[in-house]
Amino acid sequence: MHLTVRYYAGARAAAGRTEESVPAGRSVDELVGELGDRHGQRLAAVLAVASFLVDGVACHDRWKPLPPGATIDVLPPFAGG
């Protein structure tokens, strides 16, 4: 099984893509480390301050294993009003 990672705003720009598929079997924190290693320091910096949705629900337990087939939305801080 895989996870779908969707990037928004600054995360999309830093990753250079809107979406990617990664193998399942990890937590959000493990995923953050892997994605930062894969895409570089610019994305790692965004991921360090981002919020995450798991299948549309805010993730509060970043060490809990992600369900196979889940969609992870990466939401960097937004400015504006």
C-alpha atoms as a PDB file:
ATOM      1  CA  MET A   1       0.000   0.000   0.000  1.00  0.00           C
ATOM      2  CA  HIS A   2       0.960   3.594  -0.473  1.00  0.00           C
ATOM      3  CA  LEU A   3       0.221   7.005   0.990  1.00  0.00           C
ATOM      4  CA  THR A   4      -0.672  10.013  -1.116  1.00  0.00           C
ATOM      5  CA  VAL A   5       1.031  13.237  -0.060  1.00  0.00           C
ATOM      6  CA  ARG A   6      -0.542  16.459  -1.356  1.00  0.00           C
ATOM      7  CA  TYR A   7       1.339  19.741  -1.104  1.00  0.00           C
ATOM      8  CA  TYR A   8      -0.220  23.197  -0.842  1.00  0.00           C
ATOM      9  CA  ALA A   9       1.126  26.759  -1.222  1.00  0.00           C
ATOM     10  CA  GLY A  10       4.768  27.055  -0.096  1.00  0.00           C
ATOM     11  CA  ALA A  11       5.048  23.294   0.393  1.00  0.00           C
ATOM     12  CA  ARG A  12       4.090  22.770  -3.255  1.00  0.00           C
ATOM     13  CA  ALA A  13       6.726  25.276  -4.374  1.00  0.00           C
ATOM     14  CA  ALA A  14       9.409  23.727  -2.158  1.00  0.00           C
ATOM     15  CA  ALA A  15       8.616  20.156  -3.247  1.00  0.00           C
ATOM     16  CA  GLY A  16       8.319  21.107  -6.909  1.00  0.00           C
ATOM     17  CA  ARG A  17       5.131  19.089  -7.262  1.00  0.00           C
ATOM     18  CA  THR A  18       1.527  19.047  -6.120  1.00  0.00           C
ATOM     19  CA  GLU A  19       1.354  15.399  -5.096  1.00  0.00           C
ATOM     20  CA  GLU A  20       3.374  12.221  -4.744  1.00  0.00           C
ATOM     21  CA  SER A  21       2.937   8.638  -3.639  1.00  0.00           C
ATOM     22  CA  VAL A  22       5.131   7.098  -0.933  1.00  0.00           C
ATOM     23  CA  PRO A  23       5.163   3.636   0.641  1.00  0.00           C
ATOM     24  CA  ALA A  24       2.908   3.183   3.686  1.00  0.00           C
ATOM     25  CA  GLY A  25       4.129   2.006   7.072  1.00  0.00           C
ATOM     26  CA  ARG A  26       5.290   5.193   8.736  1.00  0.00           C
ATOM     27  CA  SER A  27       4.124   8.044  10.966  1.00  0.00           C
ATOM     28  CA  VAL A  28       3.843  11.723  10.036  1.00  0.00           C
ATOM     29  CA  ASP A  29       7.157  12.469  11.770  1.00  0.00           C
ATOM     30  CA  GLU A  30       8.881   9.655   9.881  1.00  0.00           C
ATOM     31  CA  LEU A  31       7.299  10.864   6.648  1.00  0.00           C
ATOM     32  CA  VAL A  32       8.505  14.422   7.316  1.00  0.00           C
ATOM     33  CA  GLY A  33      12.074  13.184   7.717  1.00  0.00           C
ATOM     34  CA  GLU A  34      11.906  11.114   4.538  1.00  0.00           C
ATOM     35  CA  LEU A  35      10.403  13.923   2.465  1.00  0.00           C
ATOM     36  CA  GLY A  36      12.943  16.440   3.748  1.00  0.00           C
ATOM     37  CA  ASP A  37      15.782  14.081   2.804  1.00  0.00           C
ATOM     38  CA  ARG A  38      14.246  13.450  -0.616  1.00  0.00           C
ATOM     39  CA  HIS A  39      13.470  17.048  -1.587  1.00  0.00           C
ATOM     40  CA  GLY A  40      16.040  19.086   0.325  1.00  0.00           C
ATOM     41  CA  GLN A  41      16.374  21.763   2.957  1.00  0.00           C
ATOM     42  CA  ARG A  42      13.791  24.116   1.458  1.00  0.00           C
ATOM     43  CA  LEU A  43      10.994  21.568   1.881  1.00  0.00           C
ATOM     44  CA  ALA A  44      12.385  20.393   5.240  1.00  0.00           C
ATOM     45  CA  ALA A  45      12.045  23.971   6.534  1.00  0.00           C
ATOM     46  CA  VAL A  46       8.423  24.157   5.368  1.00  0.00           C
ATOM     47  CA  LEU A  47       7.599  20.743   6.843  1.00  0.00           C
ATOM     48  CA  ALA A  48       9.017  21.822  10.211  1.00  0.00           C
ATOM     49  CA  VAL A  49       6.250  24.434  10.566  1.00  0.00           C
ATOM     50  CA  ALA A  50       3.468  22.785   8.543  1.00  0.00           C
ATOM     51  CA  SER A  51       0.203  21.294   9.738  1.00  0.00           C
ATOM     52  CA  PHE A  52      -0.934  17.922   8.435  1.00  0.00           C
ATOM     53  CA  LEU A  53      -4.335  16.477   7.626  1.00  0.00           C
ATOM     54  CA  VAL A  54      -4.769  12.718   7.453  1.00  0.00           C
ATOM     55  CA  ASP A  55      -7.760  11.890   5.279  1.00  0.00           C
ATOM     56  CA  GLY A  56      -9.099  15.385   5.952  1.00  0.00           C
ATOM     57  CA  VAL A  57      -8.676  15.287   9.756  1.00  0.00           C
ATOM     58  CA  ALA A  58      -6.057  17.313  11.639  1.00  0.00           C
ATOM     59  CA  CYS A  59      -3.171  15.148  12.790  1.00  0.00           C
ATOM     60  CA  HIS A  60      -2.338  15.658  16.470  1.00  0.00           C
ATOM     61  CA  ASP A  61      -0.376  12.435  17.109  1.00  0.00           C
ATOM     62  CA  ARG A  62       2.573  12.659  14.726  1.00  0.00           C
ATOM     63  CA  TRP A  63       4.048   9.300  15.897  1.00  0.00           C
ATOM     64  CA  LYS A  64       0.896   7.263  15.269  1.00  0.00           C
ATOM     65  CA  PRO A  65       1.289   4.959  12.234  1.00  0.00           C
ATOM     66  CA  LEU A  66      -0.574   6.283   9.208  1.00  0.00           C
ATOM     67  CA  PRO A  67      -3.294   4.040   7.782  1.00  0.00           C
ATOM     68  CA  PRO A  68      -2.386   2.410   4.444  1.00  0.00           C
ATOM     69  CA  GLY A  69      -3.989   4.255   1.539  1.00  0.00           C
ATOM     70  CA  ALA A  70      -4.299   7.516   3.493  1.00  0.00           C
ATOM     71  CA  THR A  71      -4.045  10.955   1.927  1.00  0.00           C
ATOM     72  CA  ILE A  72      -1.762  13.350   3.777  1.00  0.00           C
ATOM     73  CA  ASP A  73      -2.249  17.074   3.127  1.00  0.00           C
ATOM     74  CA  VAL A  74       0.744  19.298   3.899  1.00  0.00           C
ATOM     75  CA  LEU A  75      -0.462  22.755   4.909  1.00  0.00           C
ATOM     76  CA  PRO A  76       2.213  25.380   5.512  1.00  0.00           C
ATOM     77  CA  PRO A  77       1.330  28.425   7.602  1.00  0.00           C
ATOM     78  CA  PHE A  78      -0.846  30.810   5.618  1.00  0.00           C
ATOM     79  CA  ALA A  79      -0.688  34.587   5.871  1.00  0.00           C
ATOM     80  CA  GLY A  80      -3.424  37.029   5.053  1.00  0.00           C
ATOM     81  CA  GLY A  81      -6.745  37.943   6.344  1.00  0.00           C
END
